[in-house]
Amino acid sequence: MTAPVTSSPAAGRSARSFWVRQITLWHWVSSGVCLGGMLLFTVTGITLNHAASISAEPKVTQHVAPVPEPVRRFVDNGPQDGKAPLPSALAEWIGDEFHTTPPTEASEWSKAEIYVSLPRPGGDGWVAIDRAKGSAKYEKTDRGWISYLNDLHKGRHTGMAWTVFIDVVAAACLVFTLTGLLILQIHAAKRPSTWPIVLLGLVIPLFLMLLFVHR
C-alpha cells in the first residue's frame, strides 16, 4: 500500500521564501525601471496642476531661405490642392535648412503655398513655402523648459520612442504597485495599521471624485 504524499512544513516554508524573494526582486527592479519617469511625471504633475500660475514668455524665431534648385521642382510639380506628404528630398531640405526634424505628416498644398506644420513639445513651428517666389519661411515658438516637460508628461508631439517609454514606465509602475501590495500583505500581521492605511489610500481619491470633481 502506497503511503499518502504529504507536504512537509519545511517545503511550505521553502516555497514561501522563494516567492517572497521573487516579489521583492520584481519590486526593486520595477522601481529602478520607473524611477526616472516617476520623478519626471510627479514634478510635471504639479506644474501641470498649476500651469495657469506659472508664467512663461514665448520666444519666437523666424528664418527665411530660398528653396534650392534641386528641390524646387518638387515645389512646382506638387499637388495644387489638398493634403499630401512632402517628397523626401524637400522634407530633408527643410530639416537641414531649419535645424528641425524633417516632417513626415501630410502637409497642406494650395496653388499659392505649401504649409508644413512642425509641432514640437514645449512649443510649435511651421514652414510656409511660397510656390511663386520659391522661398520658405520658418517660424518656431519656444515656450520654455516647463512647457517642454509638461508636454513630455502628456506625450504631446513627442514621437514613437517617447510613447513606448511612457508605456514601459506605466507597466513598471503597475508591477511596482502590485508587488508593493503583496509585500504589505506579507508583513501586515506585524503591522496592524497596514490595511487601514491602504484602505484610506483607496477611499480618499474615490471620495474626492464623487463629491468635488465636476463632470
N, C-alpha and C. Protein backbone atom coordinates (compact mmCIF):
# COMPACT_ATOMS: atom_id res chain seq x y z
N MET A 1 0.85 -1.18 0.00
CA MET A 1 0.00 0.00 0.00
C MET A 1 0.90 1.25 0.00
N THR A 2 0.61 2.16 -0.94
CA THR A 2 1.43 3.37 -1.06
C THR A 2 1.02 4.40 -0.02
N ALA A 3 2.02 4.95 0.66
CA ALA A 3 1.73 5.95 1.69
C ALA A 3 1.31 7.25 1.02
N PRO A 4 0.35 7.99 1.62
CA PRO A 4 -0.09 9.26 1.05
C PRO A 4 1.05 10.28 1.05
N VAL A 5 1.07 11.07 -0.01
CA VAL A 5 2.10 12.09 -0.15
C VAL A 5 1.65 13.33 0.62
N THR A 6 2.46 13.77 1.53
CA THR A 6 2.15 14.98 2.30
C THR A 6 3.28 15.97 2.16
N SER A 7 2.91 17.22 2.16
CA SER A 7 3.93 18.27 2.07
C SER A 7 4.41 18.60 3.47
N SER A 8 5.71 18.68 3.62
CA SER A 8 6.29 18.97 4.91
C SER A 8 6.27 20.47 5.19
N PRO A 9 6.27 20.86 6.46
CA PRO A 9 6.34 22.28 6.79
C PRO A 9 7.57 22.96 6.19
N ALA A 10 8.67 22.20 6.12
CA ALA A 10 9.89 22.78 5.55
C ALA A 10 9.71 23.13 4.08
N ALA A 11 8.98 22.25 3.34
CA ALA A 11 8.73 22.52 1.92
C ALA A 11 7.86 23.75 1.76
N GLY A 12 6.86 23.90 2.64
CA GLY A 12 5.99 25.07 2.58
C GLY A 12 6.77 26.35 2.85
N ARG A 13 7.66 26.30 3.85
CA ARG A 13 8.47 27.48 4.15
C ARG A 13 9.42 27.80 3.00
N SER A 14 9.94 26.75 2.35
CA SER A 14 10.84 26.96 1.22
C SER A 14 10.13 27.64 0.05
N ALA A 15 8.89 27.19 -0.25
CA ALA A 15 8.11 27.79 -1.33
C ALA A 15 7.77 29.24 -1.02
N ARG A 16 7.40 29.49 0.25
CA ARG A 16 7.07 30.86 0.65
C ARG A 16 8.29 31.77 0.54
N SER A 17 9.44 31.28 0.97
CA SER A 17 10.67 32.06 0.88
C SER A 17 11.01 32.39 -0.57
N PHE A 18 10.78 31.39 -1.45
CA PHE A 18 11.06 31.61 -2.87
C PHE A 18 10.21 32.76 -3.41
N TRP A 19 8.89 32.73 -3.12
CA TRP A 19 8.01 33.76 -3.64
C TRP A 19 8.24 35.11 -3.00
N VAL A 20 8.61 35.12 -1.74
CA VAL A 20 8.96 36.39 -1.09
C VAL A 20 10.17 37.02 -1.78
N ARG A 21 11.17 36.20 -2.09
CA ARG A 21 12.36 36.70 -2.78
C ARG A 21 12.02 37.20 -4.18
N GLN A 22 11.15 36.44 -4.89
CA GLN A 22 10.77 36.84 -6.24
C GLN A 22 10.00 38.16 -6.23
N ILE A 23 9.04 38.28 -5.33
CA ILE A 23 8.24 39.51 -5.25
C ILE A 23 9.12 40.70 -4.91
N THR A 24 10.06 40.49 -3.97
CA THR A 24 10.98 41.58 -3.60
C THR A 24 11.87 41.95 -4.78
N LEU A 25 12.32 40.95 -5.54
CA LEU A 25 13.14 41.21 -6.73
C LEU A 25 12.37 42.03 -7.75
N TRP A 26 11.13 41.59 -8.06
CA TRP A 26 10.31 42.32 -9.04
C TRP A 26 10.04 43.75 -8.55
N HIS A 27 9.89 43.90 -7.23
CA HIS A 27 9.57 45.21 -6.67
C HIS A 27 10.72 46.18 -6.88
N TRP A 28 11.94 45.76 -6.55
CA TRP A 28 13.04 46.72 -6.67
C TRP A 28 13.48 46.92 -8.11
N VAL A 29 13.36 45.88 -8.95
CA VAL A 29 13.69 46.05 -10.36
C VAL A 29 12.71 47.03 -11.02
N SER A 30 11.42 46.85 -10.76
CA SER A 30 10.42 47.74 -11.35
C SER A 30 10.58 49.17 -10.84
N SER A 31 11.00 49.30 -9.56
CA SER A 31 11.21 50.65 -9.03
C SER A 31 12.38 51.33 -9.74
N GLY A 32 13.41 50.56 -10.06
CA GLY A 32 14.54 51.12 -10.79
C GLY A 32 14.16 51.53 -12.20
N VAL A 33 13.34 50.70 -12.87
CA VAL A 33 12.93 50.99 -14.25
C VAL A 33 12.10 52.26 -14.32
N CYS A 34 11.21 52.45 -13.34
CA CYS A 34 10.30 53.58 -13.42
C CYS A 34 10.79 54.80 -12.65
N LEU A 35 11.99 54.75 -12.06
CA LEU A 35 12.46 55.84 -11.21
C LEU A 35 12.51 57.17 -11.94
N GLY A 36 13.24 57.22 -13.07
CA GLY A 36 13.37 58.49 -13.80
C GLY A 36 12.03 59.00 -14.28
N GLY A 37 11.21 58.10 -14.85
CA GLY A 37 9.90 58.51 -15.34
C GLY A 37 9.00 59.01 -14.22
N MET A 38 9.02 58.34 -13.07
CA MET A 38 8.17 58.75 -11.96
C MET A 38 8.60 60.11 -11.41
N LEU A 39 9.91 60.36 -11.34
CA LEU A 39 10.36 61.68 -10.90
C LEU A 39 9.87 62.76 -11.85
N LEU A 40 9.97 62.50 -13.17
CA LEU A 40 9.50 63.46 -14.16
C LEU A 40 8.00 63.68 -14.05
N PHE A 41 7.23 62.58 -13.99
CA PHE A 41 5.78 62.69 -14.02
C PHE A 41 5.21 63.28 -12.73
N THR A 42 5.87 63.05 -11.59
CA THR A 42 5.37 63.64 -10.35
C THR A 42 5.63 65.15 -10.34
N VAL A 43 6.82 65.57 -10.76
CA VAL A 43 7.13 67.00 -10.79
C VAL A 43 6.25 67.72 -11.79
N THR A 44 6.12 67.16 -13.00
CA THR A 44 5.29 67.81 -14.01
C THR A 44 3.80 67.70 -13.69
N GLY A 45 3.43 66.72 -12.87
CA GLY A 45 2.04 66.69 -12.40
C GLY A 45 1.72 67.93 -11.59
N ILE A 46 2.68 68.40 -10.79
CA ILE A 46 2.49 69.62 -10.01
C ILE A 46 2.48 70.85 -10.93
N THR A 47 3.43 70.90 -11.88
CA THR A 47 3.48 72.07 -12.76
C THR A 47 2.25 72.14 -13.67
N LEU A 48 1.74 70.99 -14.10
CA LEU A 48 0.52 70.99 -14.91
C LEU A 48 -0.69 71.44 -14.09
N ASN A 49 -0.73 71.03 -12.84
CA ASN A 49 -1.85 71.39 -11.97
C ASN A 49 -1.88 72.88 -11.67
N HIS A 50 -0.71 73.54 -11.79
CA HIS A 50 -0.63 74.97 -11.51
C HIS A 50 -0.14 75.74 -12.75
N ALA A 51 -0.50 75.22 -13.92
CA ALA A 51 0.00 75.82 -15.17
C ALA A 51 -0.42 77.28 -15.31
N ALA A 52 -1.63 77.62 -14.85
CA ALA A 52 -2.13 78.99 -15.01
C ALA A 52 -1.32 79.99 -14.19
N SER A 53 -0.71 79.55 -13.11
CA SER A 53 0.04 80.47 -12.25
C SER A 53 1.53 80.49 -12.57
N ILE A 54 1.97 79.69 -13.54
CA ILE A 54 3.38 79.69 -13.94
C ILE A 54 3.50 80.43 -15.27
N SER A 55 4.04 81.63 -15.21
CA SER A 55 4.12 82.45 -16.41
C SER A 55 5.36 82.11 -17.23
N ALA A 56 5.23 82.22 -18.52
CA ALA A 56 6.36 81.98 -19.42
C ALA A 56 6.19 82.85 -20.66
N GLU A 57 7.26 83.51 -21.05
CA GLU A 57 7.22 84.38 -22.23
C GLU A 57 7.67 83.59 -23.45
N PRO A 58 6.76 83.33 -24.40
CA PRO A 58 7.16 82.56 -25.58
C PRO A 58 8.24 83.28 -26.38
N LYS A 59 9.20 82.52 -26.86
CA LYS A 59 10.27 83.06 -27.69
C LYS A 59 10.03 82.63 -29.13
N VAL A 60 9.87 83.59 -30.02
CA VAL A 60 9.57 83.31 -31.42
C VAL A 60 10.77 83.65 -32.28
N THR A 61 11.19 82.70 -33.09
CA THR A 61 12.28 82.94 -34.04
C THR A 61 11.79 82.64 -35.45
N GLN A 62 12.28 83.44 -36.40
CA GLN A 62 11.88 83.27 -37.80
C GLN A 62 13.12 83.21 -38.68
N HIS A 63 12.96 82.53 -39.79
CA HIS A 63 14.07 82.41 -40.75
C HIS A 63 13.48 82.22 -42.14
N VAL A 64 14.02 82.94 -43.09
CA VAL A 64 13.56 82.83 -44.49
C VAL A 64 14.73 82.36 -45.34
N ALA A 65 14.45 81.41 -46.22
CA ALA A 65 15.51 80.87 -47.08
C ALA A 65 14.93 80.53 -48.45
N PRO A 66 15.72 80.72 -49.52
CA PRO A 66 15.26 80.33 -50.85
C PRO A 66 15.30 78.80 -51.00
N VAL A 67 14.33 78.27 -51.69
CA VAL A 67 14.33 76.83 -51.96
C VAL A 67 15.36 76.55 -53.05
N PRO A 68 16.34 75.69 -52.80
CA PRO A 68 17.38 75.43 -53.81
C PRO A 68 16.82 74.73 -55.05
N GLU A 69 17.50 74.95 -56.14
CA GLU A 69 17.04 74.40 -57.42
C GLU A 69 16.83 72.89 -57.42
N PRO A 70 17.71 72.08 -56.79
CA PRO A 70 17.49 70.62 -56.84
C PRO A 70 16.15 70.16 -56.27
N VAL A 71 15.56 70.94 -55.37
CA VAL A 71 14.27 70.52 -54.79
C VAL A 71 13.13 71.45 -55.23
N ARG A 72 13.47 72.48 -55.99
CA ARG A 72 12.44 73.42 -56.44
C ARG A 72 11.38 72.74 -57.31
N ARG A 73 11.80 71.76 -58.06
CA ARG A 73 10.85 71.07 -58.96
C ARG A 73 9.77 70.33 -58.18
N PHE A 74 10.09 69.88 -56.94
CA PHE A 74 9.06 69.22 -56.13
C PHE A 74 8.01 70.22 -55.66
N VAL A 75 8.45 71.48 -55.48
CA VAL A 75 7.51 72.54 -55.11
C VAL A 75 6.61 72.89 -56.29
N ASP A 76 7.21 73.00 -57.47
CA ASP A 76 6.45 73.41 -58.66
C ASP A 76 5.50 72.34 -59.16
N ASN A 77 5.90 71.08 -59.04
CA ASN A 77 5.12 70.00 -59.64
C ASN A 77 4.24 69.25 -58.66
N GLY A 78 4.16 69.72 -57.43
CA GLY A 78 3.36 69.03 -56.43
C GLY A 78 1.88 69.29 -56.60
N PRO A 79 1.04 68.72 -55.73
CA PRO A 79 -0.41 68.91 -55.80
C PRO A 79 -0.79 70.38 -55.72
N GLN A 80 -1.90 70.74 -56.33
CA GLN A 80 -2.39 72.12 -56.32
C GLN A 80 -3.41 72.36 -55.21
N ASP A 81 -3.85 71.29 -54.58
CA ASP A 81 -4.87 71.46 -53.55
C ASP A 81 -4.92 70.20 -52.67
N GLY A 82 -5.27 70.39 -51.40
CA GLY A 82 -5.46 69.25 -50.51
C GLY A 82 -4.24 68.97 -49.64
N LYS A 83 -4.25 67.79 -49.03
CA LYS A 83 -3.17 67.37 -48.14
C LYS A 83 -2.39 66.22 -48.76
N ALA A 84 -1.07 66.28 -48.63
CA ALA A 84 -0.22 65.21 -49.16
C ALA A 84 1.14 65.30 -48.45
N PRO A 85 1.81 64.16 -48.30
CA PRO A 85 3.16 64.19 -47.69
C PRO A 85 4.13 64.92 -48.60
N LEU A 86 5.15 65.50 -48.00
CA LEU A 86 6.19 66.14 -48.79
C LEU A 86 7.09 65.10 -49.42
N PRO A 87 7.60 65.35 -50.62
CA PRO A 87 8.63 64.48 -51.18
C PRO A 87 9.82 64.42 -50.22
N SER A 88 10.48 63.29 -50.14
CA SER A 88 11.54 63.10 -49.15
C SER A 88 12.67 64.12 -49.30
N ALA A 89 13.00 64.49 -50.54
CA ALA A 89 14.08 65.46 -50.75
C ALA A 89 13.71 66.83 -50.17
N LEU A 90 12.46 67.23 -50.34
CA LEU A 90 12.01 68.51 -49.82
C LEU A 90 11.93 68.48 -48.29
N ALA A 91 11.46 67.35 -47.75
CA ALA A 91 11.38 67.21 -46.29
C ALA A 91 12.77 67.24 -45.66
N GLU A 92 13.73 66.57 -46.30
CA GLU A 92 15.10 66.56 -45.79
C GLU A 92 15.74 67.95 -45.86
N TRP A 93 15.44 68.70 -46.94
CA TRP A 93 15.98 70.05 -47.04
C TRP A 93 15.43 70.94 -45.93
N ILE A 94 14.14 70.82 -45.63
CA ILE A 94 13.55 71.60 -44.54
C ILE A 94 14.24 71.26 -43.21
N GLY A 95 14.45 69.96 -42.96
CA GLY A 95 15.12 69.56 -41.73
C GLY A 95 16.53 70.12 -41.63
N ASP A 96 17.28 70.07 -42.73
CA ASP A 96 18.67 70.55 -42.72
C ASP A 96 18.74 72.08 -42.64
N GLU A 97 17.91 72.74 -43.42
CA GLU A 97 17.98 74.20 -43.50
C GLU A 97 17.54 74.88 -42.20
N PHE A 98 16.49 74.34 -41.58
CA PHE A 98 15.93 75.00 -40.40
C PHE A 98 16.25 74.26 -39.10
N HIS A 99 17.15 73.28 -39.19
CA HIS A 99 17.61 72.55 -37.99
C HIS A 99 16.44 71.99 -37.17
N THR A 100 15.60 71.27 -37.86
CA THR A 100 14.44 70.67 -37.21
C THR A 100 14.26 69.25 -37.71
N THR A 101 13.36 68.52 -37.10
CA THR A 101 13.08 67.16 -37.55
C THR A 101 12.35 67.20 -38.88
N PRO A 102 12.81 66.49 -39.90
CA PRO A 102 12.12 66.50 -41.19
C PRO A 102 10.66 66.08 -41.04
N PRO A 103 9.74 66.83 -41.61
CA PRO A 103 8.32 66.49 -41.46
C PRO A 103 7.96 65.19 -42.15
N THR A 104 7.10 64.43 -41.51
CA THR A 104 6.63 63.16 -42.08
C THR A 104 5.12 63.14 -42.28
N GLU A 105 4.41 64.02 -41.59
CA GLU A 105 2.96 64.07 -41.73
C GLU A 105 2.57 64.80 -43.01
N ALA A 106 1.31 64.61 -43.43
CA ALA A 106 0.81 65.28 -44.62
C ALA A 106 0.79 66.79 -44.42
N SER A 107 1.18 67.52 -45.46
CA SER A 107 1.18 68.98 -45.43
C SER A 107 0.02 69.51 -46.26
N GLU A 108 -0.26 70.80 -46.09
CA GLU A 108 -1.37 71.42 -46.82
C GLU A 108 -0.83 72.11 -48.09
N TRP A 109 -1.35 71.66 -49.24
CA TRP A 109 -0.92 72.19 -50.52
C TRP A 109 -2.01 73.06 -51.12
N SER A 110 -1.62 74.20 -51.64
CA SER A 110 -2.53 75.05 -52.41
C SER A 110 -1.74 75.63 -53.58
N LYS A 111 -2.42 76.35 -54.46
CA LYS A 111 -1.73 76.94 -55.61
C LYS A 111 -0.70 77.97 -55.17
N ALA A 112 -0.98 78.65 -54.06
CA ALA A 112 -0.11 79.73 -53.62
C ALA A 112 1.05 79.25 -52.75
N GLU A 113 0.80 78.28 -51.87
CA GLU A 113 1.85 77.90 -50.93
C GLU A 113 1.70 76.46 -50.47
N ILE A 114 2.75 76.00 -49.82
CA ILE A 114 2.74 74.71 -49.12
C ILE A 114 2.94 75.02 -47.64
N TYR A 115 1.98 74.60 -46.82
CA TYR A 115 2.07 74.87 -45.38
C TYR A 115 2.43 73.57 -44.66
N VAL A 116 3.54 73.62 -43.94
CA VAL A 116 4.07 72.45 -43.25
C VAL A 116 4.00 72.70 -41.74
N SER A 117 3.22 71.90 -41.05
CA SER A 117 3.12 72.03 -39.60
C SER A 117 4.25 71.24 -38.93
N LEU A 118 4.92 71.87 -37.97
CA LEU A 118 6.04 71.24 -37.27
C LEU A 118 5.80 71.30 -35.76
N PRO A 119 4.79 70.61 -35.27
CA PRO A 119 4.53 70.64 -33.83
C PRO A 119 5.67 70.02 -33.04
N ARG A 120 5.92 70.52 -31.86
CA ARG A 120 7.02 70.05 -31.04
C ARG A 120 6.65 70.21 -29.58
N PRO A 121 7.21 69.40 -28.69
CA PRO A 121 6.94 69.59 -27.26
C PRO A 121 7.51 70.92 -26.78
N GLY A 122 6.73 71.62 -25.98
CA GLY A 122 7.20 72.89 -25.44
C GLY A 122 7.09 74.06 -26.39
N GLY A 123 6.40 73.88 -27.49
CA GLY A 123 6.28 74.97 -28.44
C GLY A 123 5.55 74.56 -29.71
N ASP A 124 5.87 75.24 -30.77
CA ASP A 124 5.22 74.96 -32.05
C ASP A 124 6.16 75.43 -33.16
N GLY A 125 5.82 75.06 -34.38
CA GLY A 125 6.61 75.50 -35.51
C GLY A 125 5.88 75.24 -36.82
N TRP A 126 6.27 75.95 -37.83
CA TRP A 126 5.69 75.75 -39.16
C TRP A 126 6.62 76.30 -40.23
N VAL A 127 6.41 75.82 -41.44
CA VAL A 127 7.12 76.32 -42.62
C VAL A 127 6.07 76.61 -43.68
N ALA A 128 6.17 77.79 -44.28
CA ALA A 128 5.29 78.16 -45.39
C ALA A 128 6.16 78.41 -46.62
N ILE A 129 5.91 77.63 -47.67
CA ILE A 129 6.70 77.76 -48.90
C ILE A 129 5.87 78.50 -49.93
N ASP A 130 6.35 79.65 -50.34
CA ASP A 130 5.70 80.44 -51.39
C ASP A 130 6.06 79.80 -52.73
N ARG A 131 5.08 79.24 -53.40
CA ARG A 131 5.37 78.48 -54.61
C ARG A 131 5.75 79.38 -55.78
N ALA A 132 5.24 80.60 -55.81
CA ALA A 132 5.58 81.51 -56.90
C ALA A 132 7.00 82.07 -56.74
N LYS A 133 7.36 82.45 -55.51
CA LYS A 133 8.67 83.03 -55.26
C LYS A 133 9.75 81.99 -55.02
N GLY A 134 9.34 80.78 -54.63
CA GLY A 134 10.32 79.74 -54.34
C GLY A 134 11.09 80.01 -53.06
N SER A 135 10.43 80.63 -52.10
CA SER A 135 11.08 80.92 -50.81
C SER A 135 10.30 80.24 -49.69
N ALA A 136 10.99 79.92 -48.62
CA ALA A 136 10.38 79.24 -47.48
C ALA A 136 10.59 80.08 -46.22
N LYS A 137 9.53 80.25 -45.47
CA LYS A 137 9.59 80.99 -44.20
C LYS A 137 9.35 80.00 -43.06
N TYR A 138 10.26 80.01 -42.12
CA TYR A 138 10.17 79.11 -40.96
C TYR A 138 9.95 79.94 -39.70
N GLU A 139 9.02 79.47 -38.86
CA GLU A 139 8.79 80.13 -37.58
C GLU A 139 8.73 79.07 -36.48
N LYS A 140 9.46 79.33 -35.39
CA LYS A 140 9.47 78.43 -34.24
C LYS A 140 9.09 79.20 -32.99
N THR A 141 8.20 78.62 -32.21
CA THR A 141 7.80 79.20 -30.93
C THR A 141 8.28 78.28 -29.81
N ASP A 142 9.03 78.85 -28.89
CA ASP A 142 9.56 78.10 -27.75
C ASP A 142 8.95 78.68 -26.47
N ARG A 143 8.20 77.85 -25.74
CA ARG A 143 7.53 78.31 -24.52
C ARG A 143 8.29 77.95 -23.25
N GLY A 144 9.51 77.49 -23.36
CA GLY A 144 10.35 77.27 -22.20
C GLY A 144 10.38 75.82 -21.72
N TRP A 145 11.28 75.59 -20.73
CA TRP A 145 11.52 74.24 -20.25
C TRP A 145 10.33 73.64 -19.53
N ILE A 146 9.60 74.45 -18.77
CA ILE A 146 8.45 73.90 -18.04
C ILE A 146 7.40 73.40 -19.01
N SER A 147 7.14 74.18 -20.05
CA SER A 147 6.19 73.75 -21.08
C SER A 147 6.67 72.49 -21.79
N TYR A 148 7.99 72.44 -22.03
CA TYR A 148 8.57 71.26 -22.67
C TYR A 148 8.36 70.01 -21.82
N LEU A 149 8.66 70.11 -20.53
CA LEU A 149 8.49 68.96 -19.63
C LEU A 149 7.02 68.60 -19.46
N ASN A 150 6.14 69.61 -19.44
CA ASN A 150 4.71 69.33 -19.35
C ASN A 150 4.22 68.54 -20.56
N ASP A 151 4.72 68.89 -21.74
CA ASP A 151 4.33 68.17 -22.95
C ASP A 151 4.89 66.74 -22.95
N LEU A 152 6.08 66.55 -22.35
CA LEU A 152 6.59 65.19 -22.20
C LEU A 152 5.65 64.38 -21.31
N HIS A 153 5.15 65.00 -20.26
CA HIS A 153 4.20 64.33 -19.36
C HIS A 153 2.96 63.86 -20.14
N LYS A 154 2.47 64.71 -21.03
CA LYS A 154 1.26 64.39 -21.78
C LYS A 154 1.54 63.56 -23.04
N GLY A 155 2.81 63.40 -23.41
CA GLY A 155 3.14 62.70 -24.65
C GLY A 155 2.73 63.50 -25.88
N ARG A 156 2.74 64.83 -25.78
CA ARG A 156 2.28 65.69 -26.87
C ARG A 156 3.40 65.94 -27.86
N HIS A 157 3.20 65.46 -29.08
CA HIS A 157 4.15 65.68 -30.18
C HIS A 157 5.56 65.19 -29.80
N THR A 158 5.64 64.04 -29.16
CA THR A 158 6.94 63.56 -28.67
C THR A 158 7.51 62.41 -29.48
N GLY A 159 6.73 61.84 -30.39
CA GLY A 159 7.25 60.77 -31.23
C GLY A 159 7.05 59.38 -30.63
N MET A 160 7.29 58.38 -31.45
CA MET A 160 7.02 56.99 -31.07
C MET A 160 7.93 56.51 -29.95
N ALA A 161 9.21 56.89 -29.97
CA ALA A 161 10.14 56.40 -28.95
C ALA A 161 9.69 56.82 -27.55
N TRP A 162 9.26 58.08 -27.40
CA TRP A 162 8.81 58.55 -26.09
C TRP A 162 7.50 57.87 -25.70
N THR A 163 6.63 57.61 -26.66
CA THR A 163 5.37 56.91 -26.37
C THR A 163 5.65 55.52 -25.83
N VAL A 164 6.60 54.82 -26.43
CA VAL A 164 6.99 53.49 -25.93
C VAL A 164 7.56 53.60 -24.52
N PHE A 165 8.39 54.63 -24.29
CA PHE A 165 8.97 54.83 -22.96
C PHE A 165 7.88 55.03 -21.91
N ILE A 166 6.87 55.83 -22.23
CA ILE A 166 5.76 56.07 -21.29
C ILE A 166 5.05 54.75 -20.99
N ASP A 167 4.82 53.93 -22.01
CA ASP A 167 4.15 52.65 -21.80
C ASP A 167 4.98 51.73 -20.90
N VAL A 168 6.30 51.72 -21.12
CA VAL A 168 7.18 50.89 -20.29
C VAL A 168 7.16 51.36 -18.84
N VAL A 169 7.23 52.66 -18.63
CA VAL A 169 7.19 53.21 -17.28
C VAL A 169 5.85 52.89 -16.61
N ALA A 170 4.75 53.01 -17.36
CA ALA A 170 3.44 52.70 -16.81
C ALA A 170 3.35 51.23 -16.39
N ALA A 171 3.88 50.33 -17.23
CA ALA A 171 3.88 48.91 -16.88
C ALA A 171 4.74 48.63 -15.66
N ALA A 172 5.92 49.29 -15.59
CA ALA A 172 6.80 49.12 -14.43
C ALA A 172 6.14 49.65 -13.16
N CYS A 173 5.42 50.76 -13.27
CA CYS A 173 4.70 51.31 -12.11
C CYS A 173 3.62 50.35 -11.63
N LEU A 174 2.96 49.68 -12.59
CA LEU A 174 1.93 48.71 -12.22
C LEU A 174 2.54 47.54 -11.45
N VAL A 175 3.67 47.03 -11.97
CA VAL A 175 4.36 45.93 -11.27
C VAL A 175 4.84 46.41 -9.90
N PHE A 176 5.40 47.59 -9.82
CA PHE A 176 5.89 48.15 -8.56
C PHE A 176 4.76 48.26 -7.53
N THR A 177 3.58 48.72 -7.99
CA THR A 177 2.44 48.90 -7.08
C THR A 177 1.91 47.56 -6.59
N LEU A 178 1.73 46.60 -7.51
CA LEU A 178 1.16 45.31 -7.13
C LEU A 178 2.11 44.52 -6.24
N THR A 179 3.40 44.54 -6.56
CA THR A 179 4.36 43.81 -5.70
C THR A 179 4.49 44.50 -4.35
N GLY A 180 4.36 45.82 -4.33
CA GLY A 180 4.36 46.53 -3.06
C GLY A 180 3.17 46.13 -2.20
N LEU A 181 2.02 45.93 -2.86
CA LEU A 181 0.83 45.48 -2.13
C LEU A 181 1.03 44.08 -1.56
N LEU A 182 1.68 43.22 -2.33
CA LEU A 182 1.96 41.86 -1.85
C LEU A 182 2.95 41.89 -0.68
N ILE A 183 3.94 42.77 -0.76
CA ILE A 183 4.89 42.89 0.35
C ILE A 183 4.18 43.40 1.61
N LEU A 184 3.25 44.32 1.43
CA LEU A 184 2.45 44.78 2.57
C LEU A 184 1.67 43.62 3.19
N GLN A 185 1.10 42.77 2.33
CA GLN A 185 0.33 41.63 2.82
C GLN A 185 1.22 40.68 3.62
N ILE A 186 2.46 40.50 3.17
CA ILE A 186 3.39 39.60 3.86
C ILE A 186 3.68 40.09 5.28
N HIS A 187 3.81 41.42 5.43
CA HIS A 187 4.19 41.97 6.73
C HIS A 187 3.01 42.53 7.51
N ALA A 188 1.80 42.39 6.97
CA ALA A 188 0.63 43.03 7.60
C ALA A 188 0.36 42.49 9.00
N ALA A 189 0.65 41.21 9.24
CA ALA A 189 0.35 40.61 10.56
C ALA A 189 1.11 41.32 11.68
N LYS A 190 2.30 41.85 11.37
CA LYS A 190 3.10 42.52 12.38
C LYS A 190 2.88 44.03 12.40
N ARG A 191 2.06 44.52 11.43
CA ARG A 191 1.81 45.96 11.34
C ARG A 191 0.31 46.19 11.22
N PRO A 192 -0.39 46.34 12.33
CA PRO A 192 -1.86 46.45 12.31
C PRO A 192 -2.39 47.63 11.51
N SER A 193 -1.57 48.66 11.32
CA SER A 193 -2.06 49.85 10.61
C SER A 193 -2.00 49.69 9.09
N THR A 194 -1.47 48.56 8.60
CA THR A 194 -1.26 48.40 7.16
C THR A 194 -2.53 48.56 6.36
N TRP A 195 -3.55 47.75 6.63
CA TRP A 195 -4.76 47.76 5.81
C TRP A 195 -5.62 49.00 6.00
N PRO A 196 -5.71 49.58 7.21
CA PRO A 196 -6.40 50.88 7.30
C PRO A 196 -5.78 51.97 6.43
N ILE A 197 -4.44 51.99 6.37
CA ILE A 197 -3.77 53.00 5.54
C ILE A 197 -4.01 52.72 4.06
N VAL A 198 -3.94 51.44 3.66
CA VAL A 198 -4.21 51.08 2.26
C VAL A 198 -5.64 51.45 1.89
N LEU A 199 -6.58 51.14 2.78
CA LEU A 199 -7.99 51.47 2.52
C LEU A 199 -8.17 52.98 2.40
N LEU A 200 -7.48 53.72 3.24
CA LEU A 200 -7.56 55.18 3.18
C LEU A 200 -7.04 55.70 1.84
N GLY A 201 -5.96 55.08 1.34
CA GLY A 201 -5.41 55.47 0.05
C GLY A 201 -6.37 55.21 -1.11
N LEU A 202 -7.28 54.25 -0.94
CA LEU A 202 -8.29 53.97 -1.97
C LEU A 202 -9.52 54.86 -1.81
N VAL A 203 -9.89 55.12 -0.56
CA VAL A 203 -11.13 55.85 -0.30
C VAL A 203 -10.99 57.34 -0.58
N ILE A 204 -9.84 57.93 -0.25
CA ILE A 204 -9.68 59.38 -0.41
C ILE A 204 -9.88 59.83 -1.86
N PRO A 205 -9.19 59.24 -2.88
CA PRO A 205 -9.44 59.69 -4.25
C PRO A 205 -10.86 59.41 -4.71
N LEU A 206 -11.45 58.29 -4.27
CA LEU A 206 -12.84 58.00 -4.63
C LEU A 206 -13.78 59.04 -4.05
N PHE A 207 -13.54 59.42 -2.79
CA PHE A 207 -14.35 60.44 -2.12
C PHE A 207 -14.26 61.77 -2.86
N LEU A 208 -13.04 62.17 -3.24
CA LEU A 208 -12.85 63.43 -3.95
C LEU A 208 -13.51 63.39 -5.33
N MET A 209 -13.40 62.26 -6.01
CA MET A 209 -14.01 62.13 -7.34
C MET A 209 -15.52 62.27 -7.28
N LEU A 210 -16.13 61.65 -6.29
CA LEU A 210 -17.59 61.63 -6.22
C LEU A 210 -18.17 62.96 -5.76
N LEU A 211 -17.46 63.68 -4.87
CA LEU A 211 -18.04 64.86 -4.25
C LEU A 211 -17.49 66.20 -4.78
N PHE A 212 -16.25 66.21 -5.24
CA PHE A 212 -15.64 67.50 -5.55
C PHE A 212 -15.19 67.65 -6.99
N VAL A 213 -15.15 66.58 -7.76
CA VAL A 213 -14.73 66.67 -9.16
C VAL A 213 -15.97 66.77 -10.03
N HIS A 214 -16.09 67.88 -10.74
CA HIS A 214 -17.28 68.12 -11.57
C HIS A 214 -17.14 67.44 -12.91
N ARG A 215 -18.23 66.88 -13.40
CA ARG A 215 -18.21 66.21 -14.70
C ARG A 215 -18.90 67.10 -15.72
